[in-house]
Amino acid sequence: MADLVECRSDWAYPQRPLAFTWQGRRVAVEQVLAESHTPDHRRFIVRTAQLGSFELIYDLNLDQWMIYPQPSKEHA
């Protein structure tokens, strides 16, 4: 099953992630902490209220999202 990310896309896709599906559950993005763009990828670090921070990467060539939980700095 492909990872699902809901985005705001006024002029290009993806522009700003709003929510994503993680382990069968919809998770709202509370804040976009960082973003970067290359010709092949769009990368976002986001914070959620429920589950902490995640890295969301969109591969433009594959038209596919990858979602990675980020380790909590509180437990480092």
N, C-alpha and C. Protein backbone atom coordinates (compact mmCIF):
# COMPACT_ATOMS: atom_id res chain seq x y z
N MET A 1 0.84 -1.19 0.00
CA MET A 1 0.00 0.00 0.00
C MET A 1 0.88 1.24 0.00
N ALA A 2 0.59 2.18 -0.84
CA ALA A 2 1.37 3.41 -0.94
C ALA A 2 1.05 4.33 0.23
N ASP A 3 2.07 5.06 0.66
CA ASP A 3 1.86 6.07 1.69
C ASP A 3 1.06 7.21 1.09
N LEU A 4 0.21 7.78 1.90
CA LEU A 4 -0.69 8.81 1.42
C LEU A 4 -0.40 10.12 2.12
N VAL A 5 -0.20 11.18 1.36
CA VAL A 5 0.03 12.51 1.92
C VAL A 5 -0.96 13.46 1.27
N GLU A 6 -1.66 14.24 2.08
CA GLU A 6 -2.58 15.27 1.60
C GLU A 6 -1.81 16.59 1.58
N CYS A 7 -1.87 17.30 0.46
CA CYS A 7 -1.10 18.53 0.31
C CYS A 7 -1.95 19.68 -0.18
N ARG A 8 -1.53 20.87 0.19
CA ARG A 8 -2.04 22.08 -0.44
C ARG A 8 -1.16 22.30 -1.66
N SER A 9 -1.78 22.55 -2.78
CA SER A 9 -1.03 22.70 -4.03
C SER A 9 -1.67 23.80 -4.86
N ASP A 10 -1.33 25.04 -4.57
CA ASP A 10 -1.90 26.17 -5.30
C ASP A 10 -1.37 26.27 -6.73
N TRP A 11 -0.06 26.14 -6.89
CA TRP A 11 0.54 26.31 -8.22
C TRP A 11 1.40 25.12 -8.64
N ALA A 12 1.77 24.26 -7.72
CA ALA A 12 2.58 23.09 -8.06
C ALA A 12 2.33 22.00 -7.03
N TYR A 13 2.56 20.76 -7.39
CA TYR A 13 2.40 19.66 -6.45
C TYR A 13 3.76 19.09 -6.11
N PRO A 14 4.03 18.80 -4.89
CA PRO A 14 3.32 19.18 -3.68
C PRO A 14 3.85 20.50 -3.15
N GLN A 15 2.99 21.29 -2.58
CA GLN A 15 3.41 22.60 -2.08
C GLN A 15 3.54 22.63 -0.57
N ARG A 16 2.54 22.11 0.15
CA ARG A 16 2.59 22.10 1.61
C ARG A 16 1.78 20.92 2.14
N PRO A 17 2.42 19.98 2.85
CA PRO A 17 1.67 18.85 3.40
C PRO A 17 0.73 19.28 4.52
N LEU A 18 -0.49 18.75 4.50
CA LEU A 18 -1.50 19.06 5.51
C LEU A 18 -1.77 17.88 6.45
N ALA A 19 -1.68 16.67 5.92
CA ALA A 19 -1.92 15.44 6.69
C ALA A 19 -1.34 14.27 5.91
N PHE A 20 -1.17 13.15 6.61
CA PHE A 20 -0.70 11.93 5.96
C PHE A 20 -1.25 10.71 6.69
N THR A 21 -1.20 9.57 6.02
CA THR A 21 -1.64 8.32 6.62
C THR A 21 -0.41 7.57 7.13
N TRP A 22 -0.43 7.22 8.41
CA TRP A 22 0.67 6.48 9.02
C TRP A 22 0.08 5.31 9.79
N GLN A 23 0.47 4.10 9.41
CA GLN A 23 0.00 2.88 10.04
C GLN A 23 -1.53 2.82 10.09
N GLY A 24 -2.14 3.19 8.95
CA GLY A 24 -3.59 3.13 8.80
C GLY A 24 -4.36 4.24 9.46
N ARG A 25 -3.67 5.24 9.97
CA ARG A 25 -4.31 6.33 10.71
C ARG A 25 -3.97 7.68 10.08
N ARG A 26 -4.98 8.54 9.93
CA ARG A 26 -4.75 9.89 9.39
C ARG A 26 -4.14 10.76 10.48
N VAL A 27 -3.02 11.42 10.14
CA VAL A 27 -2.30 12.26 11.08
C VAL A 27 -2.20 13.67 10.51
N ALA A 28 -2.67 14.66 11.24
CA ALA A 28 -2.62 16.06 10.79
C ALA A 28 -1.22 16.63 11.00
N VAL A 29 -0.78 17.43 10.05
CA VAL A 29 0.49 18.14 10.18
C VAL A 29 0.22 19.41 10.96
N GLU A 30 0.92 19.57 12.06
CA GLU A 30 0.76 20.77 12.89
C GLU A 30 1.64 21.91 12.38
N GLN A 31 2.86 21.56 11.94
CA GLN A 31 3.80 22.59 11.49
C GLN A 31 4.81 21.99 10.52
N VAL A 32 5.15 22.73 9.48
CA VAL A 32 6.25 22.35 8.59
C VAL A 32 7.51 23.00 9.16
N LEU A 33 8.45 22.18 9.61
CA LEU A 33 9.66 22.68 10.26
C LEU A 33 10.75 23.04 9.26
N ALA A 34 10.82 22.30 8.15
CA ALA A 34 11.84 22.54 7.13
C ALA A 34 11.36 21.94 5.82
N GLU A 35 11.89 22.49 4.73
CA GLU A 35 11.60 21.92 3.41
C GLU A 35 12.77 22.18 2.48
N SER A 36 12.95 21.26 1.55
CA SER A 36 13.98 21.43 0.53
C SER A 36 13.47 20.82 -0.77
N HIS A 37 14.01 21.32 -1.86
CA HIS A 37 13.58 20.88 -3.18
C HIS A 37 14.79 20.62 -4.06
N THR A 38 14.76 19.52 -4.79
CA THR A 38 15.74 19.22 -5.82
C THR A 38 14.95 18.96 -7.10
N PRO A 39 15.61 18.79 -8.23
CA PRO A 39 14.85 18.49 -9.45
C PRO A 39 14.03 17.20 -9.35
N ASP A 40 14.44 16.26 -8.49
CA ASP A 40 13.76 14.96 -8.40
C ASP A 40 12.91 14.75 -7.16
N HIS A 41 13.12 15.55 -6.12
CA HIS A 41 12.44 15.30 -4.84
C HIS A 41 11.94 16.60 -4.19
N ARG A 42 10.90 16.44 -3.39
CA ARG A 42 10.43 17.48 -2.47
C ARG A 42 10.51 16.86 -1.08
N ARG A 43 11.17 17.52 -0.15
CA ARG A 43 11.39 16.97 1.19
C ARG A 43 10.85 17.94 2.23
N PHE A 44 10.09 17.40 3.17
CA PHE A 44 9.52 18.19 4.25
C PHE A 44 9.78 17.51 5.58
N ILE A 45 10.17 18.28 6.59
CA ILE A 45 10.20 17.81 7.97
C ILE A 45 8.99 18.46 8.63
N VAL A 46 8.10 17.63 9.18
CA VAL A 46 6.86 18.15 9.76
C VAL A 46 6.71 17.68 11.20
N ARG A 47 5.94 18.45 11.96
CA ARG A 47 5.63 18.08 13.34
C ARG A 47 4.14 17.80 13.43
N THR A 48 3.81 16.74 14.17
CA THR A 48 2.41 16.40 14.43
C THR A 48 2.15 16.53 15.92
N ALA A 49 0.91 16.73 16.30
CA ALA A 49 0.56 16.83 17.72
C ALA A 49 0.62 15.46 18.39
N GLN A 50 0.23 14.42 17.66
CA GLN A 50 0.10 13.10 18.26
C GLN A 50 1.40 12.29 18.26
N LEU A 51 2.15 12.32 17.17
CA LEU A 51 3.23 11.34 16.98
C LEU A 51 4.62 11.93 16.80
N GLY A 52 4.81 13.21 17.04
CA GLY A 52 6.13 13.81 16.89
C GLY A 52 6.43 14.23 15.46
N SER A 53 7.70 14.18 15.10
CA SER A 53 8.15 14.68 13.80
C SER A 53 8.35 13.55 12.78
N PHE A 54 8.13 13.91 11.52
CA PHE A 54 8.28 12.97 10.40
C PHE A 54 8.98 13.67 9.25
N GLU A 55 9.68 12.88 8.45
CA GLU A 55 10.24 13.35 7.19
C GLU A 55 9.34 12.81 6.08
N LEU A 56 8.85 13.70 5.23
CA LEU A 56 8.01 13.33 4.10
C LEU A 56 8.79 13.66 2.83
N ILE A 57 9.02 12.66 2.00
CA ILE A 57 9.77 12.87 0.76
C ILE A 57 8.90 12.43 -0.41
N TYR A 58 8.75 13.34 -1.37
CA TYR A 58 8.00 13.02 -2.58
C TYR A 58 8.98 12.85 -3.73
N ASP A 59 8.97 11.67 -4.36
CA ASP A 59 9.81 11.39 -5.53
C ASP A 59 9.01 11.76 -6.77
N LEU A 60 9.45 12.82 -7.45
CA LEU A 60 8.73 13.32 -8.63
C LEU A 60 8.74 12.31 -9.77
N ASN A 61 9.83 11.57 -9.93
CA ASN A 61 9.93 10.61 -11.03
C ASN A 61 9.02 9.41 -10.84
N LEU A 62 8.90 8.95 -9.61
CA LEU A 62 8.07 7.78 -9.31
C LEU A 62 6.64 8.15 -8.92
N ASP A 63 6.38 9.45 -8.70
CA ASP A 63 5.08 9.92 -8.23
C ASP A 63 4.69 9.15 -6.96
N GLN A 64 5.61 9.18 -5.99
CA GLN A 64 5.44 8.37 -4.79
C GLN A 64 5.99 9.08 -3.56
N TRP A 65 5.27 8.93 -2.44
CA TRP A 65 5.70 9.48 -1.15
C TRP A 65 6.43 8.42 -0.35
N MET A 66 7.41 8.88 0.43
CA MET A 66 8.08 8.06 1.44
C MET A 66 7.94 8.81 2.76
N ILE A 67 7.60 8.09 3.82
CA ILE A 67 7.37 8.70 5.13
C ILE A 67 8.28 8.02 6.15
N TYR A 68 9.03 8.86 6.89
CA TYR A 68 9.95 8.34 7.89
C TYR A 68 9.75 9.06 9.22
N PRO A 69 9.49 8.33 10.31
CA PRO A 69 9.42 8.98 11.62
C PRO A 69 10.80 9.49 12.01
N GLN A 70 10.84 10.62 12.68
CA GLN A 70 12.11 11.20 13.13
C GLN A 70 12.29 10.92 14.62
N PRO A 71 13.50 10.57 15.03
CA PRO A 71 13.72 10.29 16.45
C PRO A 71 13.44 11.54 17.29
N SER A 72 12.88 11.32 18.45
CA SER A 72 12.59 12.41 19.36
C SER A 72 13.89 12.92 19.97
N LYS A 73 14.09 14.23 19.99
CA LYS A 73 15.28 14.82 20.59
C LYS A 73 15.23 14.69 22.12
N GLU A 74 14.03 14.49 22.66
CA GLU A 74 13.89 14.35 24.11
C GLU A 74 14.50 13.05 24.60
N HIS A 75 14.58 12.02 23.72
CA HIS A 75 15.11 10.73 24.12
C HIS A 75 16.55 10.51 23.66
N ALA A 76 17.15 11.53 23.09
CA ALA A 76 18.51 11.38 22.57
C ALA A 76 19.55 11.55 23.67
